[in-house]
Amino acid sequence: MAEALTHAAEHSGSDQADVHLDRTRSGLGARIRDEGRGGADESAGTGPLGMRRRVAALDGSTRVTSPAGGPTVVEVDLPCVW
């Protein structure tokens, strides 16, 4: 989440972002959304790709939606036993 917020602050052009955490039966879900310019591209740098790799190392999944014009939404699901 910290990295997604850092990217939003540095690249989105938005002055705010929303964070939502959700406890599920199988783990933890996190959603980070900003209303910035969008256009995040994994092939253009290491930001989203680096986040995806770190989450995958914990057997989690990452979805990044960032159409041109925004918004950018990063969703992460991490497995966890409660």
C-alpha atoms as a PDB file:
ATOM      1  CA  MET A   1       0.000   0.000   0.000  1.00  0.00           C
ATOM      2  CA  ALA A   2       2.798   2.394   0.827  1.00  0.00           C
ATOM      3  CA  GLU A   3       4.328   1.934  -2.606  1.00  0.00           C
ATOM      4  CA  ALA A   4       0.992   2.418  -4.384  1.00  0.00           C
ATOM      5  CA  LEU A   5       0.428   5.622  -2.403  1.00  0.00           C
ATOM      6  CA  THR A   6       3.947   6.816  -3.183  1.00  0.00           C
ATOM      7  CA  HIS A   7       3.361   6.261  -6.891  1.00  0.00           C
ATOM      8  CA  ALA A   8       0.043   8.098  -6.674  1.00  0.00           C
ATOM      9  CA  ALA A   9       1.705  11.055  -4.941  1.00  0.00           C
ATOM     10  CA  GLU A  10       4.601  11.200  -7.407  1.00  0.00           C
ATOM     11  CA  HIS A  11       2.923  10.438 -10.723  1.00  0.00           C
ATOM     12  CA  SER A  12      -0.866  10.793 -10.686  1.00  0.00           C
ATOM     13  CA  GLY A  13      -1.276  14.538 -10.362  1.00  0.00           C
ATOM     14  CA  SER A  14      -4.028  13.888  -7.809  1.00  0.00           C
ATOM     15  CA  ASP A  15      -3.921  15.478  -4.380  1.00  0.00           C
ATOM     16  CA  GLN A  16      -5.650  12.579  -2.659  1.00  0.00           C
ATOM     17  CA  ALA A  17      -6.035   8.813  -2.727  1.00  0.00           C
ATOM     18  CA  ASP A  18      -8.411   6.387  -1.055  1.00  0.00           C
ATOM     19  CA  VAL A  19      -7.376   3.199   0.723  1.00  0.00           C
ATOM     20  CA  HIS A  20      -9.811   0.420   1.514  1.00  0.00           C
ATOM     21  CA  LEU A  21      -8.908  -2.753   3.446  1.00  0.00           C
ATOM     22  CA  ASP A  22     -11.161  -5.759   3.537  1.00  0.00           C
ATOM     23  CA  ARG A  23     -10.837  -8.896   5.636  1.00  0.00           C
ATOM     24  CA  THR A  24     -12.130 -11.926   3.763  1.00  0.00           C
ATOM     25  CA  ARG A  25     -12.466 -15.590   4.639  1.00  0.00           C
ATOM     26  CA  SER A  26      -9.272 -16.398   2.783  1.00  0.00           C
ATOM     27  CA  GLY A  27      -7.170 -13.317   3.426  1.00  0.00           C
ATOM     28  CA  LEU A  28      -6.811  -9.593   3.136  1.00  0.00           C
ATOM     29  CA  GLY A  29      -7.849  -7.345   0.283  1.00  0.00           C
ATOM     30  CA  ALA A  30      -6.497  -3.850  -0.269  1.00  0.00           C
ATOM     31  CA  ARG A  31      -7.706  -1.267  -2.777  1.00  0.00           C
ATOM     32  CA  ILE A  32      -5.870   1.982  -3.475  1.00  0.00           C
ATOM     33  CA  ARG A  33      -7.524   4.494  -5.817  1.00  0.00           C
ATOM     34  CA  ASP A  34      -6.516   7.935  -6.987  1.00  0.00           C
ATOM     35  CA  GLU A  35      -8.335  10.335  -9.287  1.00  0.00           C
ATOM     36  CA  GLY A  36      -5.197  11.320 -11.174  1.00  0.00           C
ATOM     37  CA  ARG A  37      -4.307  11.246 -14.846  1.00  0.00           C
ATOM     38  CA  GLY A  38      -4.044   7.440 -15.145  1.00  0.00           C
ATOM     39  CA  GLY A  39      -1.942   5.733 -17.751  1.00  0.00           C
ATOM     40  CA  ALA A  40       0.201   3.615 -15.403  1.00  0.00           C
ATOM     41  CA  ASP A  41       2.093   1.185 -17.632  1.00  0.00           C
ATOM     42  CA  GLU A  42       4.027  -1.783 -16.251  1.00  0.00           C
ATOM     43  CA  SER A  43       6.172  -1.956 -19.366  1.00  0.00           C
ATOM     44  CA  ALA A  44       7.338   1.653 -18.927  1.00  0.00           C
ATOM     45  CA  GLY A  45       9.006   1.194 -15.540  1.00  0.00           C
ATOM     46  CA  THR A  46       9.367  -0.931 -12.456  1.00  0.00           C
ATOM     47  CA  GLY A  47       6.667   0.579 -10.190  1.00  0.00           C
ATOM     48  CA  PRO A  48       3.547  -1.535 -10.838  1.00  0.00           C
ATOM     49  CA  LEU A  49       5.637  -4.516 -11.928  1.00  0.00           C
ATOM     50  CA  GLY A  50       7.698  -4.353  -8.739  1.00  0.00           C
ATOM     51  CA  MET A  51       4.536  -4.270  -6.617  1.00  0.00           C
ATOM     52  CA  ARG A  52       3.124  -7.226  -8.550  1.00  0.00           C
ATOM     53  CA  ARG A  53       6.318  -9.254  -7.985  1.00  0.00           C
ATOM     54  CA  ARG A  54       6.411  -8.570  -4.236  1.00  0.00           C
ATOM     55  CA  VAL A  55       2.751  -9.517  -3.805  1.00  0.00           C
ATOM     56  CA  ALA A  56       3.256 -12.684  -5.888  1.00  0.00           C
ATOM     57  CA  ALA A  57       6.139 -13.678  -3.585  1.00  0.00           C
ATOM     58  CA  LEU A  58       3.517 -13.863  -0.813  1.00  0.00           C
ATOM     59  CA  ASP A  59       1.185 -15.960  -3.019  1.00  0.00           C
ATOM     60  CA  GLY A  60      -1.046 -12.942  -3.563  1.00  0.00           C
ATOM     61  CA  SER A  61      -2.496 -11.325  -6.652  1.00  0.00           C
ATOM     62  CA  THR A  62      -2.443  -7.770  -7.982  1.00  0.00           C
ATOM     63  CA  ARG A  63      -4.701  -5.964 -10.430  1.00  0.00           C
ATOM     64  CA  VAL A  64      -3.854  -2.517 -11.772  1.00  0.00           C
ATOM     65  CA  THR A  65      -6.452  -0.568 -13.748  1.00  0.00           C
ATOM     66  CA  SER A  66      -5.248   2.771 -15.053  1.00  0.00           C
ATOM     67  CA  PRO A  67      -6.910   4.052 -18.218  1.00  0.00           C
ATOM     68  CA  ALA A  68      -5.655   7.318 -19.691  1.00  0.00           C
ATOM     69  CA  GLY A  69      -7.485  10.106 -17.889  1.00  0.00           C
ATOM     70  CA  GLY A  70      -7.791   8.026 -14.712  1.00  0.00           C
ATOM     71  CA  PRO A  71      -8.609   6.835 -12.229  1.00  0.00           C
ATOM     72  CA  THR A  72      -5.864   4.425 -11.235  1.00  0.00           C
ATOM     73  CA  VAL A  73      -6.942   1.529  -9.028  1.00  0.00           C
ATOM     74  CA  VAL A  74      -4.530  -0.978  -7.497  1.00  0.00           C
ATOM     75  CA  GLU A  75      -6.164  -4.047  -5.950  1.00  0.00           C
ATOM     76  CA  VAL A  76      -4.198  -6.594  -3.938  1.00  0.00           C
ATOM     77  CA  ASP A  77      -5.385  -9.871  -2.459  1.00  0.00           C
ATOM     78  CA  LEU A  78      -3.149 -11.627   0.058  1.00  0.00           C
ATOM     79  CA  PRO A  79      -3.883 -15.076   1.482  1.00  0.00           C
ATOM     80  CA  CYS A  80      -4.050 -15.258   5.251  1.00  0.00           C
ATOM     81  CA  VAL A  81      -5.318 -17.722   7.843  1.00  0.00           C
ATOM     82  CA  TRP A  82      -7.269 -16.033  10.626  1.00  0.00           C
END
